[in-house]
Amino acid sequence: MRDESEIRAQYEFLAEELADEEMSHEGVKAMFTHYKRALGWVLEEEHM
């Protein structure tokens, strides 16, 4: 299992990628959104 700092780093990376104006293709945005949600759920479940 990955440690929290690695998961948070990936989450921050994905958030930055979603904010980038060059990421305008809807399929790519949808993919990153799904990964971002999944990482958020992992963080929530580990700290409940």
PDB file of N, CA and C in Angstrom:
ATOM      1  N   MET A   1       0.845  -1.192   0.000  1.00  0.00           N
ATOM      2  CA  MET A   1       0.000   0.000   0.000  1.00  0.00           C
ATOM      3  C   MET A   1       0.879   1.240   0.000  1.00  0.00           C
ATOM      4  N   ARG A   2       0.455   2.220  -0.739  1.00  0.00           N
ATOM      5  CA  ARG A   2       1.213   3.464  -0.809  1.00  0.00           C
ATOM      6  C   ARG A   2       1.041   4.260   0.479  1.00  0.00           C
ATOM      7  N   ASP A   3       2.052   5.060   0.789  1.00  0.00           N
ATOM      8  CA  ASP A   3       1.910   5.878   1.981  1.00  0.00           C
ATOM      9  C   ASP A   3       1.139   7.156   1.639  1.00  0.00           C
ATOM     10  N   GLU A   4       0.677   7.838   2.680  1.00  0.00           N
ATOM     11  CA  GLU A   4      -0.190   9.005   2.495  1.00  0.00           C
ATOM     12  C   GLU A   4       0.485  10.109   1.687  1.00  0.00           C
ATOM     13  N   SER A   5       1.766  10.347   1.897  1.00  0.00           N
ATOM     14  CA  SER A   5       2.441  11.433   1.171  1.00  0.00           C
ATOM     15  C   SER A   5       2.472  11.164  -0.334  1.00  0.00           C
ATOM     16  N   GLU A   6       2.661   9.903  -0.716  1.00  0.00           N
ATOM     17  CA  GLU A   6       2.663   9.562  -2.148  1.00  0.00           C
ATOM     18  C   GLU A   6       1.278   9.770  -2.756  1.00  0.00           C
ATOM     19  N   ILE A   7       0.240   9.357  -2.034  1.00  0.00           N
ATOM     20  CA  ILE A   7      -1.127   9.522  -2.529  1.00  0.00           C
ATOM     21  C   ILE A   7      -1.470  10.999  -2.643  1.00  0.00           C
ATOM     22  N   ARG A   8      -1.079  11.784  -1.632  1.00  0.00           N
ATOM     23  CA  ARG A   8      -1.361  13.222  -1.681  1.00  0.00           C
ATOM     24  C   ARG A   8      -0.621  13.890  -2.839  1.00  0.00           C
ATOM     25  N   ALA A   9       0.616  13.481  -3.098  1.00  0.00           N
ATOM     26  CA  ALA A   9       1.386  14.043  -4.208  1.00  0.00           C
ATOM     27  C   ALA A   9       0.696  13.752  -5.532  1.00  0.00           C
ATOM     28  N   GLN A  10       0.192  12.536  -5.690  1.00  0.00           N
ATOM     29  CA  GLN A  10      -0.515  12.180  -6.927  1.00  0.00           C
ATOM     30  C   GLN A  10      -1.810  12.970  -7.057  1.00  0.00           C
ATOM     31  N   TYR A  11      -2.498  13.164  -5.940  1.00  0.00           N
ATOM     32  CA  TYR A  11      -3.741  13.923  -5.942  1.00  0.00           C
ATOM     33  C   TYR A  11      -3.480  15.362  -6.372  1.00  0.00           C
ATOM     34  N   GLU A  12      -2.437  15.967  -5.815  1.00  0.00           N
ATOM     35  CA  GLU A  12      -2.083  17.343  -6.171  1.00  0.00           C
ATOM     36  C   GLU A  12      -1.698  17.446  -7.655  1.00  0.00           C
ATOM     37  N   PHE A  13      -0.943  16.461  -8.136  1.00  0.00           N
ATOM     38  CA  PHE A  13      -0.558  16.441  -9.552  1.00  0.00           C
ATOM     39  C   PHE A  13      -1.798  16.408 -10.443  1.00  0.00           C
ATOM     40  N   LEU A  14      -2.747  15.540 -10.110  1.00  0.00           N
ATOM     41  CA  LEU A  14      -3.956  15.435 -10.921  1.00  0.00           C
ATOM     42  C   LEU A  14      -4.774  16.713 -10.862  1.00  0.00           C
ATOM     43  N   ALA A  15      -4.851  17.343  -9.699  1.00  0.00           N
ATOM     44  CA  ALA A  15      -5.591  18.595  -9.570  1.00  0.00           C
ATOM     45  C   ALA A  15      -4.973  19.671 -10.458  1.00  0.00           C
ATOM     46  N   GLU A  16      -3.648  19.742 -10.485  1.00  0.00           N
ATOM     47  CA  GLU A  16      -2.953  20.714 -11.334  1.00  0.00           C
ATOM     48  C   GLU A  16      -3.189  20.405 -12.811  1.00  0.00           C
ATOM     49  N   GLU A  17      -3.153  19.121 -13.177  1.00  0.00           N
ATOM     50  CA  GLU A  17      -3.375  18.737 -14.571  1.00  0.00           C
ATOM     51  C   GLU A  17      -4.788  19.114 -15.024  1.00  0.00           C
ATOM     52  N   LEU A  18      -5.778  18.920 -14.150  1.00  0.00           N
ATOM     53  CA  LEU A  18      -7.152  19.268 -14.501  1.00  0.00           C
ATOM     54  C   LEU A  18      -7.311  20.770 -14.687  1.00  0.00           C
ATOM     55  N   ALA A  19      -6.544  21.569 -13.959  1.00  0.00           N
ATOM     56  CA  ALA A  19      -6.635  23.025 -14.044  1.00  0.00           C
ATOM     57  C   ALA A  19      -5.909  23.578 -15.272  1.00  0.00           C
ATOM     58  N   ASP A  20      -5.023  22.788 -15.865  1.00  0.00           N
ATOM     59  CA  ASP A  20      -4.244  23.239 -17.013  1.00  0.00           C
ATOM     60  C   ASP A  20      -5.154  23.464 -18.220  1.00  0.00           C
ATOM     61  N   GLU A  21      -5.021  24.626 -18.857  1.00  0.00           N
ATOM     62  CA  GLU A  21      -5.872  24.958 -20.000  1.00  0.00           C
ATOM     63  C   GLU A  21      -5.636  24.045 -21.197  1.00  0.00           C
ATOM     64  N   GLU A  22      -4.481  23.426 -21.299  1.00  0.00           N
ATOM     65  CA  GLU A  22      -4.200  22.527 -22.422  1.00  0.00           C
ATOM     66  C   GLU A  22      -4.947  21.197 -22.294  1.00  0.00           C
ATOM     67  N   MET A  23      -5.489  20.921 -21.130  1.00  0.00           N
ATOM     68  CA  MET A  23      -6.225  19.673 -20.910  1.00  0.00           C
ATOM     69  C   MET A  23      -7.693  19.881 -21.294  1.00  0.00           C
ATOM     70  N   SER A  24      -7.930  20.300 -22.528  1.00  0.00           N
ATOM     71  CA  SER A  24      -9.280  20.662 -22.941  1.00  0.00           C
ATOM     72  C   SER A  24     -10.084  19.492 -23.503  1.00  0.00           C
ATOM     73  N   HIS A  25      -9.440  18.390 -23.838  1.00  0.00           N
ATOM     74  CA  HIS A  25     -10.152  17.248 -24.399  1.00  0.00           C
ATOM     75  C   HIS A  25     -11.024  16.608 -23.312  1.00  0.00           C
ATOM     76  N   GLU A  26     -12.298  16.484 -23.583  1.00  0.00           N
ATOM     77  CA  GLU A  26     -13.247  16.022 -22.564  1.00  0.00           C
ATOM     78  C   GLU A  26     -12.946  14.608 -22.049  1.00  0.00           C
ATOM     79  N   GLY A  27     -12.503  13.714 -22.918  1.00  0.00           N
ATOM     80  CA  GLY A  27     -12.179  12.361 -22.479  1.00  0.00           C
ATOM     81  C   GLY A  27     -11.034  12.336 -21.486  1.00  0.00           C
ATOM     82  N   VAL A  28     -10.022  13.170 -21.738  1.00  0.00           N
ATOM     83  CA  VAL A  28      -8.881  13.252 -20.828  1.00  0.00           C
ATOM     84  C   VAL A  28      -9.322  13.842 -19.495  1.00  0.00           C
ATOM     85  N   LYS A  29     -10.138  14.891 -19.544  1.00  0.00           N
ATOM     86  CA  LYS A  29     -10.638  15.501 -18.310  1.00  0.00           C
ATOM     87  C   LYS A  29     -11.445  14.492 -17.499  1.00  0.00           C
ATOM     88  N   ALA A  30     -12.280  13.715 -18.173  1.00  0.00           N
ATOM     89  CA  ALA A  30     -13.094  12.726 -17.472  1.00  0.00           C
ATOM     90  C   ALA A  30     -12.212  11.675 -16.808  1.00  0.00           C
ATOM     91  N   MET A  31     -11.175  11.236 -17.500  1.00  0.00           N
ATOM     92  CA  MET A  31     -10.264  10.242 -16.936  1.00  0.00           C
ATOM     93  C   MET A  31      -9.598  10.779 -15.673  1.00  0.00           C
ATOM     94  N   PHE A  32      -9.046  11.992 -15.757  1.00  0.00           N
ATOM     95  CA  PHE A  32      -8.387  12.568 -14.586  1.00  0.00           C
ATOM     96  C   PHE A  32      -9.369  12.790 -13.450  1.00  0.00           C
ATOM     97  N   THR A  33     -10.606  13.163 -13.763  1.00  0.00           N
ATOM     98  CA  THR A  33     -11.612  13.364 -12.726  1.00  0.00           C
ATOM     99  C   THR A  33     -11.880  12.064 -11.978  1.00  0.00           C
ATOM    100  N   HIS A  34     -11.963  10.949 -12.704  1.00  0.00           N
ATOM    101  CA  HIS A  34     -12.197   9.652 -12.061  1.00  0.00           C
ATOM    102  C   HIS A  34     -11.022   9.271 -11.151  1.00  0.00           C
ATOM    103  N   TYR A  35      -9.791   9.484 -11.634  1.00  0.00           N
ATOM    104  CA  TYR A  35      -8.626   9.179 -10.803  1.00  0.00           C
ATOM    105  C   TYR A  35      -8.595  10.062  -9.566  1.00  0.00           C
ATOM    106  N   LYS A  36      -8.928  11.333  -9.733  1.00  0.00           N
ATOM    107  CA  LYS A  36      -8.923  12.270  -8.606  1.00  0.00           C
ATOM    108  C   LYS A  36      -9.933  11.822  -7.549  1.00  0.00           C
ATOM    109  N   ARG A  37     -11.125  11.426  -7.987  1.00  0.00           N
ATOM    110  CA  ARG A  37     -12.144  10.951  -7.049  1.00  0.00           C
ATOM    111  C   ARG A  37     -11.675   9.696  -6.329  1.00  0.00           C
ATOM    112  N   ALA A  38     -11.081   8.774  -7.069  1.00  0.00           N
ATOM    113  CA  ALA A  38     -10.618   7.522  -6.463  1.00  0.00           C
ATOM    114  C   ALA A  38      -9.568   7.796  -5.394  1.00  0.00           C
ATOM    115  N   LEU A  39      -8.619   8.670  -5.683  1.00  0.00           N
ATOM    116  CA  LEU A  39      -7.596   8.993  -4.694  1.00  0.00           C
ATOM    117  C   LEU A  39      -8.211   9.667  -3.473  1.00  0.00           C
ATOM    118  N   GLY A  40      -9.189  10.518  -3.691  1.00  0.00           N
ATOM    119  CA  GLY A  40      -9.874  11.178  -2.578  1.00  0.00           C
ATOM    120  C   GLY A  40     -10.569  10.165  -1.688  1.00  0.00           C
ATOM    121  N   TRP A  41     -11.222   9.173  -2.293  1.00  0.00           N
ATOM    122  CA  TRP A  41     -11.901   8.141  -1.511  1.00  0.00           C
ATOM    123  C   TRP A  41     -10.905   7.326  -0.693  1.00  0.00           C
ATOM    124  N   VAL A  42      -9.757   7.022  -1.275  1.00  0.00           N
ATOM    125  CA  VAL A  42      -8.743   6.255  -0.549  1.00  0.00           C
ATOM    126  C   VAL A  42      -8.293   7.038   0.678  1.00  0.00           C
ATOM    127  N   LEU A  43      -8.035   8.318   0.502  1.00  0.00           N
ATOM    128  CA  LEU A  43      -7.606   9.146   1.627  1.00  0.00           C
ATOM    129  C   LEU A  43      -8.683   9.218   2.704  1.00  0.00           C
ATOM    130  N   GLU A  44      -9.937   9.357   2.307  1.00  0.00           N
ATOM    131  CA  GLU A  44     -11.031   9.429   3.275  1.00  0.00           C
ATOM    132  C   GLU A  44     -11.164   8.134   4.064  1.00  0.00           C
ATOM    133  N   GLU A  45     -11.122   6.992   3.384  1.00  0.00           N
ATOM    134  CA  GLU A  45     -11.305   5.706   4.049  1.00  0.00           C
ATOM    135  C   GLU A  45     -10.181   5.402   5.024  1.00  0.00           C
ATOM    136  N   GLU A  46      -8.952   5.811   4.698  1.00  0.00           N
ATOM    137  CA  GLU A  46      -7.831   5.519   5.581  1.00  0.00           C
ATOM    138  C   GLU A  46      -7.867   6.343   6.855  1.00  0.00           C
ATOM    139  N   HIS A  47      -8.592   7.464   6.847  1.00  0.00           N
ATOM    140  CA  HIS A  47      -8.565   8.363   7.995  1.00  0.00           C
ATOM    141  C   HIS A  47      -9.904   8.478   8.693  1.00  0.00           C
ATOM    142  N   MET A  48     -10.763   7.475   8.503  1.00  0.00           N
ATOM    143  CA  MET A  48     -12.068   7.483   9.178  1.00  0.00           C
ATOM    144  C   MET A  48     -11.955   6.904  10.553  1.00  0.00           C
TER     145      MET A  48
END
